[in-house]
Amino acid sequence: YETNQLLQRQAKEQNKKAEQRAKELQEFI
């Protein structure tokens, strides 16, 4: 349970960064 929760938090953080990067790229394009 603890490991799974940690992986979930890491995945959400990764997606948050990816979404931010996608926004920057779309604006530049």
PDB file of all heavy atoms in Angstrom:
ATOM      1  N   TYR A   1       0.840  -1.208   0.000  1.00  0.00           N
ATOM      2  CA  TYR A   1       0.000   0.000   0.000  1.00  0.00           C
ATOM      3  C   TYR A   1       0.872   1.254   0.000  1.00  0.00           C
ATOM      4  O   TYR A   1       0.641   2.188  -0.778  1.00  0.00           O
ATOM      5  CB  TYR A   1      -0.926  -0.003   1.209  1.00  0.00           C
ATOM      6  CG  TYR A   1      -1.889   1.166   1.215  1.00  0.00           C
ATOM      7  CD1 TYR A   1      -3.034   1.144   0.425  1.00  0.00           C
ATOM      8  CD2 TYR A   1      -1.633   2.297   1.981  1.00  0.00           C
ATOM      9  CE1 TYR A   1      -3.905   2.218   0.398  1.00  0.00           C
ATOM     10  CE2 TYR A   1      -2.497   3.380   1.962  1.00  0.00           C
ATOM     11  CZ  TYR A   1      -3.630   3.335   1.170  1.00  0.00           C
ATOM     12  OH  TYR A   1      -4.483   4.406   1.141  1.00  0.00           O
ATOM     13  N   GLU A   2       1.897   1.279   0.868  1.00  0.00           N
ATOM     14  CA  GLU A   2       2.779   2.442   0.946  1.00  0.00           C
ATOM     15  C   GLU A   2       3.540   2.635  -0.367  1.00  0.00           C
ATOM     16  O   GLU A   2       3.658   3.764  -0.863  1.00  0.00           O
ATOM     17  CB  GLU A   2       3.761   2.264   2.108  1.00  0.00           C
ATOM     18  CG  GLU A   2       3.106   2.358   3.474  1.00  0.00           C
ATOM     19  CD  GLU A   2       4.044   1.959   4.600  1.00  0.00           C
ATOM     20  OE1 GLU A   2       5.254   1.821   4.345  1.00  0.00           O
ATOM     21  OE2 GLU A   2       3.570   1.798   5.743  1.00  0.00           O
ATOM     22  N   THR A   3       4.050   1.541  -0.927  1.00  0.00           N
ATOM     23  CA  THR A   3       4.791   1.618  -2.195  1.00  0.00           C
ATOM     24  C   THR A   3       3.877   2.079  -3.322  1.00  0.00           C
ATOM     25  O   THR A   3       4.239   2.917  -4.150  1.00  0.00           O
ATOM     26  CB  THR A   3       5.392   0.245  -2.555  1.00  0.00           C
ATOM     27  OG1 THR A   3       6.229  -0.199  -1.495  1.00  0.00           O
ATOM     28  CG2 THR A   3       6.211   0.327  -3.838  1.00  0.00           C
ATOM     29  N   ASN A   4       2.658   1.550  -3.341  1.00  0.00           N
ATOM     30  CA  ASN A   4       1.696   1.894  -4.380  1.00  0.00           C
ATOM     31  C   ASN A   4       1.330   3.378  -4.321  1.00  0.00           C
ATOM     32  O   ASN A   4       1.238   4.048  -5.353  1.00  0.00           O
ATOM     33  CB  ASN A   4       0.446   1.023  -4.239  1.00  0.00           C
ATOM     34  CG  ASN A   4      -0.457   1.117  -5.452  1.00  0.00           C
ATOM     35  OD1 ASN A   4      -0.032   0.899  -6.573  1.00  0.00           O
ATOM     36  ND2 ASN A   4      -1.713   1.456  -5.225  1.00  0.00           N
ATOM     37  N   GLN A   5       1.123   3.887  -3.102  1.00  0.00           N
ATOM     38  CA  GLN A   5       0.794   5.301  -2.934  1.00  0.00           C
ATOM     39  C   GLN A   5       1.950   6.190  -3.406  1.00  0.00           C
ATOM     40  O   GLN A   5       1.741   7.234  -4.035  1.00  0.00           O
ATOM     41  CB  GLN A   5       0.468   5.595  -1.463  1.00  0.00           C
ATOM     42  CG  GLN A   5      -0.820   4.947  -0.968  1.00  0.00           C
ATOM     43  CD  GLN A   5      -2.031   5.381  -1.758  1.00  0.00           C
ATOM     44  OE1 GLN A   5      -2.367   6.564  -1.812  1.00  0.00           O
ATOM     45  NE2 GLN A   5      -2.698   4.434  -2.403  1.00  0.00           N
ATOM     46  N   LEU A   6       3.187   5.755  -3.100  1.00  0.00           N
ATOM     47  CA  LEU A   6       4.364   6.510  -3.538  1.00  0.00           C
ATOM     48  C   LEU A   6       4.450   6.535  -5.063  1.00  0.00           C
ATOM     49  O   LEU A   6       4.700   7.589  -5.668  1.00  0.00           O
ATOM     50  CB  LEU A   6       5.632   5.882  -2.952  1.00  0.00           C
ATOM     51  CG  LEU A   6       6.971   6.474  -3.422  1.00  0.00           C
ATOM     52  CD1 LEU A   6       7.076   7.942  -3.020  1.00  0.00           C
ATOM     53  CD2 LEU A   6       8.133   5.678  -2.837  1.00  0.00           C
ATOM     54  N   LEU A   7       4.217   5.376  -5.700  1.00  0.00           N
ATOM     55  CA  LEU A   7       4.253   5.304  -7.159  1.00  0.00           C
ATOM     56  C   LEU A   7       3.166   6.175  -7.784  1.00  0.00           C
ATOM     57  O   LEU A   7       3.376   6.799  -8.830  1.00  0.00           O
ATOM     58  CB  LEU A   7       4.101   3.852  -7.622  1.00  0.00           C
ATOM     59  CG  LEU A   7       5.272   2.914  -7.299  1.00  0.00           C
ATOM     60  CD1 LEU A   7       4.907   1.471  -7.666  1.00  0.00           C
ATOM     61  CD2 LEU A   7       6.527   3.350  -8.044  1.00  0.00           C
ATOM     62  N   GLN A   8       1.997   6.212  -7.143  1.00  0.00           N
ATOM     63  CA  GLN A   8       0.899   7.057  -7.636  1.00  0.00           C
ATOM     64  C   GLN A   8       1.286   8.538  -7.579  1.00  0.00           C
ATOM     65  O   GLN A   8       1.041   9.295  -8.525  1.00  0.00           O
ATOM     66  CB  GLN A   8      -0.366   6.817  -6.803  1.00  0.00           C
ATOM     67  CG  GLN A   8      -0.984   5.447  -6.952  1.00  0.00           C
ATOM     68  CD  GLN A   8      -1.767   5.297  -8.251  1.00  0.00           C
ATOM     69  OE1 GLN A   8      -2.084   6.272  -8.915  1.00  0.00           O
ATOM     70  NE2 GLN A   8      -2.049   4.065  -8.626  1.00  0.00           N
ATOM     71  N   ARG A   9       1.906   8.929  -6.459  1.00  0.00           N
ATOM     72  CA  ARG A   9       2.324  10.339  -6.314  1.00  0.00           C
ATOM     73  C   ARG A   9       3.391  10.694  -7.353  1.00  0.00           C
ATOM     74  O   ARG A   9       3.355  11.774  -7.950  1.00  0.00           O
ATOM     75  CB  ARG A   9       2.852  10.596  -4.899  1.00  0.00           C
ATOM     76  CG  ARG A   9       1.778  10.603  -3.830  1.00  0.00           C
ATOM     77  CD  ARG A   9       2.281  11.198  -2.530  1.00  0.00           C
ATOM     78  NE  ARG A   9       3.365  10.429  -1.939  1.00  0.00           N
ATOM     79  CZ  ARG A   9       3.177   9.410  -1.094  1.00  0.00           C
ATOM     80  NH1 ARG A   9       1.946   9.036  -0.761  1.00  0.00           N
ATOM     81  NH2 ARG A   9       4.204   8.777  -0.582  1.00  0.00           N
ATOM     82  N   GLN A  10       4.333   9.775  -7.571  1.00  0.00           N
ATOM     83  CA  GLN A  10       5.393  10.007  -8.552  1.00  0.00           C
ATOM     84  C   GLN A  10       4.810  10.121  -9.957  1.00  0.00           C
ATOM     85  O   GLN A  10       5.236  10.976 -10.748  1.00  0.00           O
ATOM     86  CB  GLN A  10       6.419   8.883  -8.494  1.00  0.00           C
ATOM     87  CG  GLN A  10       7.281   8.893  -7.240  1.00  0.00           C
ATOM     88  CD  GLN A  10       8.206   7.685  -7.161  1.00  0.00           C
ATOM     89  OE1 GLN A  10       7.962   6.657  -7.800  1.00  0.00           O
ATOM     90  NE2 GLN A  10       9.253   7.789  -6.364  1.00  0.00           N
ATOM     91  N   ALA A  11       3.828   9.264 -10.274  1.00  0.00           N
ATOM     92  CA  ALA A  11       3.198   9.292 -11.594  1.00  0.00           C
ATOM     93  C   ALA A  11       2.453  10.609 -11.818  1.00  0.00           C
ATOM     94  O   ALA A  11       2.524  11.215 -12.892  1.00  0.00           O
ATOM     95  CB  ALA A  11       2.252   8.106 -11.741  1.00  0.00           C
ATOM     96  N   LYS A  12       1.749  11.065 -10.790  1.00  0.00           N
ATOM     97  CA  LYS A  12       1.005  12.326 -10.902  1.00  0.00           C
ATOM     98  C   LYS A  12       1.961  13.505 -11.074  1.00  0.00           C
ATOM     99  O   LYS A  12       1.683  14.438 -11.853  1.00  0.00           O
ATOM    100  CB  LYS A  12       0.121  12.519  -9.669  1.00  0.00           C
ATOM    101  CG  LYS A  12      -1.075  11.578  -9.629  1.00  0.00           C
ATOM    102  CD  LYS A  12      -1.878  11.748  -8.347  1.00  0.00           C
ATOM    103  CE  LYS A  12      -3.046  10.764  -8.312  1.00  0.00           C
ATOM    104  NZ  LYS A  12      -3.808  10.849  -7.036  1.00  0.00           N
ATOM    105  N   GLU A  13       3.077  13.465 -10.336  1.00  0.00           N
ATOM    106  CA  GLU A  13       4.075  14.533 -10.446  1.00  0.00           C
ATOM    107  C   GLU A  13       4.707  14.534 -11.835  1.00  0.00           C
ATOM    108  O   GLU A  13       4.926  15.591 -12.431  1.00  0.00           O
ATOM    109  CB  GLU A  13       5.154  14.342  -9.373  1.00  0.00           C
ATOM    110  CG  GLU A  13       6.151  15.475  -9.277  1.00  0.00           C
ATOM    111  CD  GLU A  13       5.524  16.811  -8.902  1.00  0.00           C
ATOM    112  OE1 GLU A  13       4.510  16.814  -8.173  1.00  0.00           O
ATOM    113  OE2 GLU A  13       6.054  17.853  -9.353  1.00  0.00           O
ATOM    114  N   GLN A  14       4.978  13.339 -12.357  1.00  0.00           N
ATOM    115  CA  GLN A  14       5.540  13.214 -13.701  1.00  0.00           C
ATOM    116  C   GLN A  14       4.573  13.789 -14.733  1.00  0.00           C
ATOM    117  O   GLN A  14       4.978  14.510 -15.652  1.00  0.00           O
ATOM    118  CB  GLN A  14       5.817  11.743 -14.014  1.00  0.00           C
ATOM    119  CG  GLN A  14       6.347  11.499 -15.427  1.00  0.00           C
ATOM    120  CD  GLN A  14       6.506  10.004 -15.732  1.00  0.00           C
ATOM    121  OE1 GLN A  14       6.765   9.196 -14.841  1.00  0.00           O
ATOM    122  NE2 GLN A  14       6.322   9.638 -16.993  1.00  0.00           N
ATOM    123  N   ASN A  15       3.289  13.485 -14.564  1.00  0.00           N
ATOM    124  CA  ASN A  15       2.283  13.980 -15.503  1.00  0.00           C
ATOM    125  C   ASN A  15       2.130  15.496 -15.414  1.00  0.00           C
ATOM    126  O   ASN A  15       1.919  16.172 -16.423  1.00  0.00           O
ATOM    127  CB  ASN A  15       0.940  13.312 -15.233  1.00  0.00           C
ATOM    128  CG  ASN A  15       0.917  11.860 -15.696  1.00  0.00           C
ATOM    129  OD1 ASN A  15       1.820  11.423 -16.395  1.00  0.00           O
ATOM    130  ND2 ASN A  15      -0.107  11.118 -15.307  1.00  0.00           N
ATOM    131  N   LYS A  16       2.254  16.007 -14.195  1.00  0.00           N
ATOM    132  CA  LYS A  16       2.136  17.453 -13.989  1.00  0.00           C
ATOM    133  C   LYS A  16       3.250  18.183 -14.741  1.00  0.00           C
ATOM    134  O   LYS A  16       3.018  19.195 -15.410  1.00  0.00           O
ATOM    135  CB  LYS A  16       2.205  17.760 -12.492  1.00  0.00           C
ATOM    136  CG  LYS A  16       1.939  19.212 -12.143  1.00  0.00           C
ATOM    137  CD  LYS A  16       1.953  19.401 -10.635  1.00  0.00           C
ATOM    138  CE  LYS A  16       1.727  20.868 -10.276  1.00  0.00           C
ATOM    139  NZ  LYS A  16       1.767  21.068  -8.798  1.00  0.00           N
ATOM    140  N   LYS A  17       4.479  17.624 -14.625  1.00  0.00           N
ATOM    141  CA  LYS A  17       5.617  18.224 -15.335  1.00  0.00           C
ATOM    142  C   LYS A  17       5.452  18.083 -16.838  1.00  0.00           C
ATOM    143  O   LYS A  17       5.782  19.011 -17.603  1.00  0.00           O
ATOM    144  CB  LYS A  17       6.910  17.549 -14.884  1.00  0.00           C
ATOM    145  CG  LYS A  17       7.307  17.877 -13.450  1.00  0.00           C
ATOM    146  CD  LYS A  17       8.575  17.142 -13.056  1.00  0.00           C
ATOM    147  CE  LYS A  17       8.962  17.462 -11.608  1.00  0.00           C
ATOM    148  NZ  LYS A  17      10.180  16.703 -11.183  1.00  0.00           N
ATOM    149  N   ALA A  18       4.960  16.917 -17.281  1.00  0.00           N
ATOM    150  CA  ALA A  18       4.760  16.690 -18.714  1.00  0.00           C
ATOM    151  C   ALA A  18       3.693  17.626 -19.276  1.00  0.00           C
ATOM    152  O   ALA A  18       3.829  18.145 -20.391  1.00  0.00           O
ATOM    153  CB  ALA A  18       4.370  15.232 -18.958  1.00  0.00           C
ATOM    154  N   GLU A  19       2.632  17.864 -18.511  1.00  0.00           N
ATOM    155  CA  GLU A  19       1.568  18.769 -18.948  1.00  0.00           C
ATOM    156  C   GLU A  19       2.085  20.202 -19.067  1.00  0.00           C
ATOM    157  O   GLU A  19       1.736  20.932 -20.009  1.00  0.00           O
ATOM    158  CB  GLU A  19       0.406  18.705 -17.953  1.00  0.00           C
ATOM    159  CG  GLU A  19      -0.420  17.428 -18.070  1.00  0.00           C
ATOM    160  CD  GLU A  19      -1.379  17.236 -16.899  1.00  0.00           C
ATOM    161  OE1 GLU A  19      -1.444  18.151 -16.041  1.00  0.00           O
ATOM    162  OE2 GLU A  19      -2.037  16.186 -16.837  1.00  0.00           O
ATOM    163  N   GLN A  20       2.930  20.609 -18.101  1.00  0.00           N
ATOM    164  CA  GLN A  20       3.510  21.939 -18.134  1.00  0.00           C
ATOM    165  C   GLN A  20       4.422  22.112 -19.354  1.00  0.00           C
ATOM    166  O   GLN A  20       4.387  23.131 -20.043  1.00  0.00           O
ATOM    167  CB  GLN A  20       4.306  22.198 -16.846  1.00  0.00           C
ATOM    168  CG  GLN A  20       4.939  23.579 -16.755  1.00  0.00           C
ATOM    169  CD  GLN A  20       3.919  24.714 -16.807  1.00  0.00           C
ATOM    170  OE1 GLN A  20       2.830  24.593 -16.255  1.00  0.00           O
ATOM    171  NE2 GLN A  20       4.254  25.805 -17.509  1.00  0.00           N
ATOM    172  N   ARG A  21       5.228  21.055 -19.621  1.00  0.00           N
ATOM    173  CA  ARG A  21       6.119  21.098 -20.780  1.00  0.00           C
ATOM    174  C   ARG A  21       5.317  21.120 -22.070  1.00  0.00           C
ATOM    175  O   ARG A  21       5.664  21.852 -23.017  1.00  0.00           O
ATOM    176  CB  ARG A  21       7.066  19.890 -20.767  1.00  0.00           C
ATOM    177  CG  ARG A  21       8.058  19.843 -21.905  1.00  0.00           C
ATOM    178  CD  ARG A  21       8.935  21.078 -21.929  1.00  0.00           C
ATOM    179  NE  ARG A  21       9.906  21.038 -23.024  1.00  0.00           N
ATOM    180  CZ  ARG A  21      10.530  22.108 -23.511  1.00  0.00           C
ATOM    181  NH1 ARG A  21      10.262  23.322 -22.987  1.00  0.00           N
ATOM    182  NH2 ARG A  21      11.401  21.997 -24.504  1.00  0.00           N
ATOM    183  N   ALA A  22       4.226  20.359 -22.136  1.00  0.00           N
ATOM    184  CA  ALA A  22       3.377  20.329 -23.326  1.00  0.00           C
ATOM    185  C   ALA A  22       2.783  21.715 -23.599  1.00  0.00           C
ATOM    186  O   ALA A  22       2.710  22.159 -24.757  1.00  0.00           O
ATOM    187  CB  ALA A  22       2.267  19.300 -23.150  1.00  0.00           C
ATOM    188  N   LYS A  23       2.391  22.385 -22.532  1.00  0.00           N
ATOM    189  CA  LYS A  23       1.821  23.727 -22.671  1.00  0.00           C
ATOM    190  C   LYS A  23       2.853  24.701 -23.245  1.00  0.00           C
ATOM    191  O   LYS A  23       2.551  25.500 -24.143  1.00  0.00           O
ATOM    192  CB  LYS A  23       1.328  24.210 -21.310  1.00  0.00           C
ATOM    193  CG  LYS A  23       0.607  25.550 -21.350  1.00  0.00           C
ATOM    194  CD  LYS A  23       0.122  25.932 -19.958  1.00  0.00           C
ATOM    195  CE  LYS A  23      -0.566  27.311 -20.002  1.00  0.00           C
ATOM    196  NZ  LYS A  23      -0.995  27.718 -18.635  1.00  0.00           N
ATOM    197  N   GLU A  24       4.098  24.614 -22.738  1.00  0.00           N
ATOM    198  CA  GLU A  24       5.179  25.479 -23.220  1.00  0.00           C
ATOM    199  C   GLU A  24       5.457  25.221 -24.699  1.00  0.00           C
ATOM    200  O   GLU A  24       5.657  26.160 -25.486  1.00  0.00           O
ATOM    201  CB  GLU A  24       6.446  25.230 -22.400  1.00  0.00           C
ATOM    202  CG  GLU A  24       6.337  25.673 -20.944  1.00  0.00           C
ATOM    203  CD  GLU A  24       7.524  25.201 -20.110  1.00  0.00           C
ATOM    204  OE1 GLU A  24       8.437  24.550 -20.684  1.00  0.00           O
ATOM    205  OE2 GLU A  24       7.546  25.477 -18.891  1.00  0.00           O
ATOM    206  N   LEU A  25       5.501  23.928 -25.059  1.00  0.00           N
ATOM    207  CA  LEU A  25       5.773  23.566 -26.454  1.00  0.00           C
ATOM    208  C   LEU A  25       4.663  24.042 -27.380  1.00  0.00           C
ATOM    209  O   LEU A  25       4.929  24.559 -28.476  1.00  0.00           O
ATOM    210  CB  LEU A  25       5.941  22.046 -26.570  1.00  0.00           C
ATOM    211  CG  LEU A  25       7.165  21.440 -25.881  1.00  0.00           C
ATOM    212  CD1 LEU A  25       7.066  19.920 -25.872  1.00  0.00           C
ATOM    213  CD2 LEU A  25       8.457  21.891 -26.558  1.00  0.00           C
ATOM    214  N   GLN A  26       3.417  23.881 -26.959  1.00  0.00           N
ATOM    215  CA  GLN A  26       2.273  24.300 -27.788  1.00  0.00           C
ATOM    216  C   GLN A  26       2.288  25.814 -28.015  1.00  0.00           C
ATOM    217  O   GLN A  26       1.988  26.297 -29.118  1.00  0.00           O
ATOM    218  CB  GLN A  26       0.968  23.861 -27.117  1.00  0.00           C
ATOM    219  CG  GLN A  26       0.717  22.359 -27.202  1.00  0.00           C
ATOM    220  CD  GLN A  26      -0.376  21.892 -26.255  1.00  0.00           C
ATOM    221  OE1 GLN A  26      -0.796  22.637 -25.354  1.00  0.00           O
ATOM    222  NE2 GLN A  26      -0.816  20.650 -26.435  1.00  0.00           N
ATOM    223  N   GLU A  27       2.650  26.555 -26.969  1.00  0.00           N
ATOM    224  CA  GLU A  27       2.703  28.018 -27.081  1.00  0.00           C
ATOM    225  C   GLU A  27       3.797  28.447 -28.055  1.00  0.00           C
ATOM    226  O   GLU A  27       3.609  29.359 -28.869  1.00  0.00           O
ATOM    227  CB  GLU A  27       2.947  28.637 -25.697  1.00  0.00           C
ATOM    228  CG  GLU A  27       1.740  28.547 -24.787  1.00  0.00           C
ATOM    229  CD  GLU A  27       2.030  29.057 -23.373  1.00  0.00           C
ATOM    230  OE1 GLU A  27       3.216  29.350 -23.076  1.00  0.00           O
ATOM    231  OE2 GLU A  27       1.086  29.158 -22.568  1.00  0.00           O
ATOM    232  N   PHE A  28       4.959  27.762 -27.953  1.00  0.00           N
ATOM    233  CA  PHE A  28       6.064  28.091 -28.864  1.00  0.00           C
ATOM    234  C   PHE A  28       5.682  27.777 -30.302  1.00  0.00           C
ATOM    235  O   PHE A  28       5.925  28.590 -31.215  1.00  0.00           O
ATOM    236  CB  PHE A  28       7.323  27.301 -28.468  1.00  0.00           C
ATOM    237  CG  PHE A  28       8.544  27.670 -29.248  1.00  0.00           C
ATOM    238  CD1 PHE A  28       9.432  28.623 -28.765  1.00  0.00           C
ATOM    239  CD2 PHE A  28       8.810  27.083 -30.491  1.00  0.00           C
ATOM    240  CE1 PHE A  28      10.571  28.981 -29.494  1.00  0.00           C
ATOM    241  CE2 PHE A  28       9.928  27.439 -31.222  1.00  0.00           C
ATOM    242  CZ  PHE A  28      10.820  28.391 -30.725  1.00  0.00           C
ATOM    243  N   ILE A  29       5.088  26.600 -30.525  1.00  0.00           N
ATOM    244  CA  ILE A  29       4.701  26.184 -31.871  1.00  0.00           C
ATOM    245  C   ILE A  29       3.679  27.147 -32.461  1.00  0.00           C
ATOM    246  O   ILE A  29       3.777  27.566 -33.632  1.00  0.00           O
ATOM    247  CB  ILE A  29       4.146  24.744 -31.857  1.00  0.00           C
ATOM    248  CG1 ILE A  29       5.263  23.753 -31.475  1.00  0.00           C
ATOM    249  CG2 ILE A  29       3.534  24.365 -33.194  1.00  0.00           C
ATOM    250  CD1 ILE A  29       4.755  22.381 -31.076  1.00  0.00           C
TER     251      ILE A  29
END
